[in-house]
């Protein structure tokens, strides 16, 4: 269950951290945030939750891939 919490929070945190750049891009290009960039950002965040979850699970199953000198 702990891995799901991490997988759920990470995309939300990333989305919030990305918003200033998305808003700046929309301001510089004249793009309407609420009709184009906003829905894409929310959709992407929701898609990344299971992607992060399964990636973390896969990574935990392959500890030999970590290069430790």
C-alpha atoms as a PDB file:
ATOM      1  CA  UNK A   1       0.000   0.000   0.000  1.00  0.00           C
ATOM      2  CA  UNK A   2       2.901   2.342   0.715  1.00  0.00           C
ATOM      3  CA  UNK A   3       4.057   2.167  -2.908  1.00  0.00           C
ATOM      4  CA  UNK A   4       0.600   3.302  -4.107  1.00  0.00           C
ATOM      5  CA  UNK A   5       0.768   6.367  -1.860  1.00  0.00           C
ATOM      6  CA  UNK A   6       4.176   7.271  -3.303  1.00  0.00           C
ATOM      7  CA  UNK A   7       2.954   6.592  -6.845  1.00  0.00           C
ATOM      8  CA  UNK A   8      -0.109   8.768  -6.270  1.00  0.00           C
ATOM      9  CA  UNK A   9       1.627  11.734  -4.619  1.00  0.00           C
ATOM     10  CA  UNK A  10       4.604  12.003  -6.999  1.00  0.00           C
ATOM     11  CA  UNK A  11       2.617  12.970 -10.158  1.00  0.00           C
ATOM     12  CA  UNK A  12       0.525  15.456  -8.170  1.00  0.00           C
ATOM     13  CA  UNK A  13       3.657  17.063  -6.755  1.00  0.00           C
ATOM     14  CA  UNK A  14       5.229  17.134 -10.220  1.00  0.00           C
ATOM     15  CA  UNK A  15       2.110  18.715 -11.691  1.00  0.00           C
ATOM     16  CA  UNK A  16       2.071  21.454  -9.066  1.00  0.00           C
ATOM     17  CA  UNK A  17       5.785  22.099  -9.527  1.00  0.00           C
ATOM     18  CA  UNK A  18       5.309  22.320 -13.321  1.00  0.00           C
ATOM     19  CA  UNK A  19       2.405  24.794 -13.291  1.00  0.00           C
ATOM     20  CA  UNK A  20       4.472  28.006 -13.148  1.00  0.00           C
ATOM     21  CA  UNK A  21       6.285  26.918 -16.331  1.00  0.00           C
ATOM     22  CA  UNK A  22       3.027  25.933 -18.034  1.00  0.00           C
ATOM     23  CA  UNK A  23       1.439  29.260 -17.139  1.00  0.00           C
ATOM     24  CA  UNK A  24       4.518  31.144 -18.361  1.00  0.00           C
ATOM     25  CA  UNK A  25       4.425  29.218 -21.646  1.00  0.00           C
ATOM     26  CA  UNK A  26       0.755  30.056 -22.127  1.00  0.00           C
ATOM     27  CA  UNK A  27       1.386  33.705 -21.329  1.00  0.00           C
ATOM     28  CA  UNK A  28       4.332  33.939 -23.767  1.00  0.00           C
ATOM     29  CA  UNK A  29       2.550  32.150 -26.613  1.00  0.00           C
ATOM     30  CA  UNK A  30      -0.933  33.557 -26.029  1.00  0.00           C
ATOM     31  CA  UNK A  31      -2.345  30.058 -25.509  1.00  0.00           C
ATOM     32  CA  UNK A  32      -5.479  29.778 -23.376  1.00  0.00           C
ATOM     33  CA  UNK A  33      -4.538  27.726 -20.322  1.00  0.00           C
ATOM     34  CA  UNK A  34      -8.038  26.609 -19.336  1.00  0.00           C
ATOM     35  CA  UNK A  35      -8.973  25.200 -22.741  1.00  0.00           C
ATOM     36  CA  UNK A  36      -5.696  23.676 -23.899  1.00  0.00           C
ATOM     37  CA  UNK A  37      -2.872  23.320 -21.397  1.00  0.00           C
ATOM     38  CA  UNK A  38      -4.900  22.782 -18.209  1.00  0.00           C
ATOM     39  CA  UNK A  39      -6.868  19.708 -19.330  1.00  0.00           C
ATOM     40  CA  UNK A  40      -3.722  18.149 -20.831  1.00  0.00           C
ATOM     41  CA  UNK A  41      -1.837  18.680 -17.570  1.00  0.00           C
ATOM     42  CA  UNK A  42      -4.572  17.045 -15.489  1.00  0.00           C
ATOM     43  CA  UNK A  43      -4.919  14.147 -17.947  1.00  0.00           C
ATOM     44  CA  UNK A  44      -1.146  13.593 -17.923  1.00  0.00           C
ATOM     45  CA  UNK A  45      -1.054  13.619 -14.125  1.00  0.00           C
ATOM     46  CA  UNK A  46      -3.744  10.938 -13.951  1.00  0.00           C
ATOM     47  CA  UNK A  47      -1.953   8.813 -16.560  1.00  0.00           C
ATOM     48  CA  UNK A  48       1.344   8.986 -14.681  1.00  0.00           C
ATOM     49  CA  UNK A  49      -0.058   7.526 -11.434  1.00  0.00           C
ATOM     50  CA  UNK A  50      -0.159   3.895 -12.676  1.00  0.00           C
ATOM     51  CA  UNK A  51       2.978   4.413 -14.786  1.00  0.00           C
ATOM     52  CA  UNK A  52       4.976   5.473 -11.724  1.00  0.00           C
ATOM     53  CA  UNK A  53       3.467   2.687  -9.658  1.00  0.00           C
ATOM     54  CA  UNK A  54       4.437  -0.103 -12.020  1.00  0.00           C
ATOM     55  CA  UNK A  55       7.849   1.420 -12.697  1.00  0.00           C
ATOM     56  CA  UNK A  56       8.603   1.589  -8.956  1.00  0.00           C
ATOM     57  CA  UNK A  57       7.420  -1.988  -8.546  1.00  0.00           C
ATOM     58  CA  UNK A  58       9.590  -3.153 -11.461  1.00  0.00           C
ATOM     59  CA  UNK A  59      12.595  -1.221 -10.112  1.00  0.00           C
ATOM     60  CA  UNK A  60      12.228  -2.815  -6.669  1.00  0.00           C
ATOM     61  CA  UNK A  61      12.275  -6.256  -8.302  1.00  0.00           C
ATOM     62  CA  UNK A  62      15.585  -5.491 -10.062  1.00  0.00           C
ATOM     63  CA  UNK A  63      18.034  -4.240  -7.413  1.00  0.00           C
ATOM     64  CA  UNK A  64      20.949  -5.598  -9.450  1.00  0.00           C
ATOM     65  CA  UNK A  65      20.488  -2.744 -11.958  1.00  0.00           C
ATOM     66  CA  UNK A  66      21.786  -0.202  -9.452  1.00  0.00           C
ATOM     67  CA  UNK A  67      25.449   0.478 -10.152  1.00  0.00           C
ATOM     68  CA  UNK A  68      27.234   0.541  -6.814  1.00  0.00           C
ATOM     69  CA  UNK A  69      30.992   0.988  -6.875  1.00  0.00           C
END
